[in-house]
Amino acid sequence: MVFWNSFICNGAEYDLSHLHPSQLTFIQPANTSDHQRIYKVEVAYSLHCFTRGYDPTVPLLGYADVREKRTFDFVRYELSKKLPEIMSGLDKKKCLHSGKGNFFVIETITPNGDKKDYEVYFDVTKSKTPGFVSLYVQSAYIRDTYHKNRPNNKKIAFVVILHNKLNGKEIKIPT
């Protein structure tokens, strides 16, 4: 799990501790034919949540992890502060299949008074920690001209994702 170092630019510090690994618990209430289920989730965030593709013309804004170098994005950084709250409420949101094995949610936000779709892409796998599921936030951004094609909106309940991943069951994308 990655603990992100703060980004320093022109003497200003941009704290990334809100994107440090965390643990969440989700409770699926009992229904008439089943008992309550409790899901323990380890959450980690990618640097794609606060960076964009590397731009060599602004090396001062470079930020890297062990896999890649990207450019710090001040808008994505500000929006990333919403991610822990979005992740903790996934069980109350409409999750969607991406069609590529991962999932996403769309949060409507209003930066500067304009409504925008903030898309958060994540993958869920069975954790190495017994009884846990790992949720990895792969990317989060406002759709723009660079990100043109949004995946199909095939809905899936977050607790279904958790249950299937925890129990090694395949998640089928409805056609």
Protein backbone atom coordinates (compact mmCIF):
# COMPACT_ATOMS: atom_id res chain seq x y z
CA MET A 1 0.00 0.00 0.00
CA VAL A 2 1.26 3.44 -0.91
CA PHE A 3 1.46 6.40 1.45
CA TRP A 4 1.74 9.44 -0.82
CA ASN A 5 4.31 12.14 -0.08
CA SER A 6 3.10 15.73 -0.14
CA PHE A 7 3.69 17.59 -3.38
CA ILE A 8 5.76 20.77 -3.04
CA CYS A 9 5.55 23.47 -5.71
CA ASN A 10 6.88 27.03 -5.43
CA GLY A 11 7.06 26.67 -1.65
CA ALA A 12 3.44 25.53 -1.32
CA GLU A 13 2.70 22.09 0.13
CA TYR A 14 -0.14 19.96 -1.22
CA ASP A 15 -0.89 17.35 1.43
CA LEU A 16 -1.92 13.94 0.09
CA SER A 17 -2.59 12.20 3.41
CA HIS A 18 -6.31 12.01 2.58
CA LEU A 19 -5.29 9.42 -0.04
CA HIS A 20 -3.34 7.20 2.32
CA PRO A 21 -4.59 3.60 2.60
CA SER A 22 -7.57 3.15 4.87
CA GLN A 23 -10.09 0.57 5.94
CA LEU A 24 -13.87 0.78 5.65
CA THR A 25 -16.70 -1.43 6.84
CA PHE A 26 -19.92 -1.87 4.89
CA ILE A 27 -22.99 -3.55 6.35
CA GLN A 28 -25.55 -5.19 4.13
CA PRO A 29 -28.78 -5.34 6.11
CA ALA A 30 -30.56 -8.64 6.48
CA ASN A 31 -33.50 -9.34 4.22
CA THR A 32 -36.31 -11.84 4.66
CA SER A 33 -34.27 -14.78 3.37
CA ASP A 34 -30.76 -13.90 4.52
CA HIS A 35 -28.76 -12.57 7.45
CA GLN A 36 -26.83 -9.29 7.76
CA ARG A 37 -23.44 -9.31 6.05
CA ILE A 38 -20.41 -7.27 7.08
CA TYR A 39 -17.72 -6.45 4.53
CA LYS A 40 -14.27 -5.17 5.54
CA VAL A 41 -12.56 -3.22 2.78
CA GLU A 42 -8.97 -2.04 2.41
CA VAL A 43 -8.89 1.11 0.26
CA ALA A 44 -5.89 2.40 -1.70
CA TYR A 45 -5.59 5.24 -4.21
CA SER A 46 -3.62 5.59 -7.44
CA LEU A 47 -1.63 8.67 -8.33
CA HIS A 48 -4.05 9.05 -11.26
CA CYS A 49 -6.44 10.56 -8.69
CA PHE A 50 -4.31 13.71 -8.45
CA THR A 51 -2.16 13.67 -11.60
CA ARG A 52 -2.62 13.56 -15.38
CA GLY A 53 -0.45 12.27 -18.21
CA TYR A 54 3.16 13.42 -18.00
CA ASP A 55 3.91 16.74 -19.69
CA PRO A 56 7.69 17.21 -20.13
CA THR A 57 7.21 20.96 -20.75
CA VAL A 58 6.41 21.44 -17.04
CA PRO A 59 8.96 19.25 -15.22
CA LEU A 60 8.39 21.24 -12.00
CA LEU A 61 4.98 19.53 -11.78
CA GLY A 62 6.34 15.98 -12.17
CA TYR A 63 5.16 13.41 -9.64
CA ALA A 64 6.14 9.74 -9.76
CA ASP A 65 5.59 6.43 -8.05
CA VAL A 66 7.56 3.23 -8.66
CA ARG A 67 5.70 2.55 -11.92
CA GLU A 68 5.31 5.85 -13.72
CA LYS A 69 5.87 9.59 -13.82
CA ARG A 70 2.92 11.94 -14.30
CA THR A 71 2.10 15.64 -13.98
CA PHE A 72 0.52 16.98 -10.80
CA ASP A 73 -2.95 18.32 -11.62
CA PHE A 74 -4.27 20.98 -9.25
CA VAL A 75 -7.93 20.43 -10.21
CA ARG A 76 -7.71 16.66 -9.73
CA TYR A 77 -5.90 17.28 -6.44
CA GLU A 78 -8.72 19.48 -5.11
CA LEU A 79 -11.34 16.98 -6.24
CA SER A 80 -9.39 14.09 -4.70
CA LYS A 81 -10.23 15.50 -1.28
CA LYS A 82 -13.78 14.22 -1.90
CA LEU A 83 -12.66 10.65 -2.60
CA PRO A 84 -12.62 9.27 0.98
CA GLU A 85 -16.23 10.40 1.45
CA ILE A 86 -17.27 9.03 -1.94
CA MET A 87 -15.64 5.67 -1.17
CA SER A 88 -17.27 5.42 2.27
CA GLY A 89 -20.68 5.91 0.65
CA LEU A 90 -20.33 3.46 -2.24
CA ASP A 91 -23.01 1.20 -0.79
CA LYS A 92 -25.52 4.03 -1.32
CA LYS A 93 -24.42 4.94 -4.85
CA LYS A 94 -25.14 3.55 -8.29
CA CYS A 95 -22.04 1.57 -9.31
CA LEU A 96 -21.50 0.84 -12.98
CA HIS A 97 -19.58 -1.78 -14.95
CA SER A 98 -16.82 -0.28 -17.08
CA GLY A 99 -16.87 -3.26 -19.44
CA LYS A 100 -13.16 -3.84 -18.71
CA GLY A 101 -13.42 -5.72 -15.42
CA ASN A 102 -13.47 -2.67 -13.19
CA PHE A 103 -16.26 -0.38 -11.99
CA PHE A 104 -17.03 3.30 -11.64
CA VAL A 105 -19.35 5.77 -9.98
CA ILE A 106 -20.33 9.21 -11.15
CA GLU A 107 -20.57 11.93 -8.56
CA THR A 108 -22.12 15.23 -9.63
CA ILE A 109 -20.05 18.07 -8.23
CA THR A 110 -20.24 21.81 -8.60
CA PRO A 111 -16.76 23.34 -8.83
CA ASN A 112 -17.16 27.08 -9.43
CA GLY A 113 -20.95 26.67 -9.52
CA ASP A 114 -20.96 24.49 -12.67
CA LYS A 115 -22.34 20.95 -12.44
CA LYS A 116 -19.79 18.39 -13.62
CA ASP A 117 -19.61 14.61 -13.65
CA TYR A 118 -16.71 13.42 -11.49
CA GLU A 119 -15.98 9.84 -12.54
CA VAL A 120 -14.25 7.53 -10.08
CA TYR A 121 -12.88 4.24 -11.45
CA PHE A 122 -12.03 1.39 -9.11
CA ASP A 123 -11.18 -2.29 -9.00
CA VAL A 124 -12.14 -4.75 -6.27
CA THR A 125 -10.21 -7.93 -5.50
CA LYS A 126 -10.04 -10.42 -2.68
CA SER A 127 -7.42 -9.19 -0.23
CA LYS A 128 -4.42 -11.10 1.06
CA THR A 129 -5.72 -10.11 4.50
CA PRO A 130 -8.22 -12.81 5.51
CA GLY A 131 -11.82 -11.58 5.56
CA PHE A 132 -11.02 -8.38 3.65
CA VAL A 133 -11.63 -7.13 0.14
CA SER A 134 -9.21 -4.67 -1.53
CA LEU A 135 -10.62 -1.65 -3.33
CA TYR A 136 -8.13 0.22 -5.52
CA VAL A 137 -9.20 3.62 -6.83
CA GLN A 138 -7.56 3.63 -10.23
CA SER A 139 -8.48 7.11 -11.45
CA ALA A 140 -10.83 10.00 -10.79
CA TYR A 141 -11.49 12.96 -13.05
CA ILE A 142 -14.04 15.22 -14.66
CA ARG A 143 -14.85 14.00 -18.15
CA ASP A 144 -13.39 16.36 -20.74
CA THR A 145 -12.43 16.28 -24.40
CA TYR A 146 -9.44 14.02 -23.60
CA HIS A 147 -11.70 11.44 -21.95
CA LYS A 148 -14.35 11.14 -24.64
CA ASN A 149 -15.95 7.73 -24.36
CA ARG A 150 -17.72 6.89 -21.14
CA PRO A 151 -18.29 3.15 -20.69
CA ASN A 152 -21.80 1.71 -20.87
CA ASN A 153 -23.92 2.35 -17.82
CA LYS A 154 -24.65 -1.21 -16.65
CA LYS A 155 -25.63 -0.91 -12.97
CA ILE A 156 -24.43 -3.18 -10.18
CA ALA A 157 -24.93 -2.89 -6.44
CA PHE A 158 -21.71 -2.33 -4.52
CA VAL A 159 -22.57 -5.08 -2.02
CA VAL A 160 -22.89 -7.52 -4.95
CA ILE A 161 -19.38 -6.57 -6.04
CA LEU A 162 -18.08 -7.08 -2.49
CA HIS A 163 -19.88 -10.38 -1.97
CA ASN A 164 -18.76 -11.86 -5.28
CA LYS A 165 -15.14 -10.74 -4.97
CA LEU A 166 -14.88 -11.94 -1.36
CA ASN A 167 -16.28 -15.33 -2.35
CA GLY A 168 -14.35 -15.73 -5.62
CA LYS A 169 -17.47 -15.51 -7.77
CA GLU A 170 -17.43 -14.10 -11.28
CA ILE A 171 -19.23 -10.84 -11.93
CA LYS A 172 -21.10 -11.02 -15.19
CA ILE A 173 -21.72 -7.87 -17.20
CA PRO A 174 -25.34 -7.74 -18.30
CA THR A 175 -25.82 -7.42 -22.05
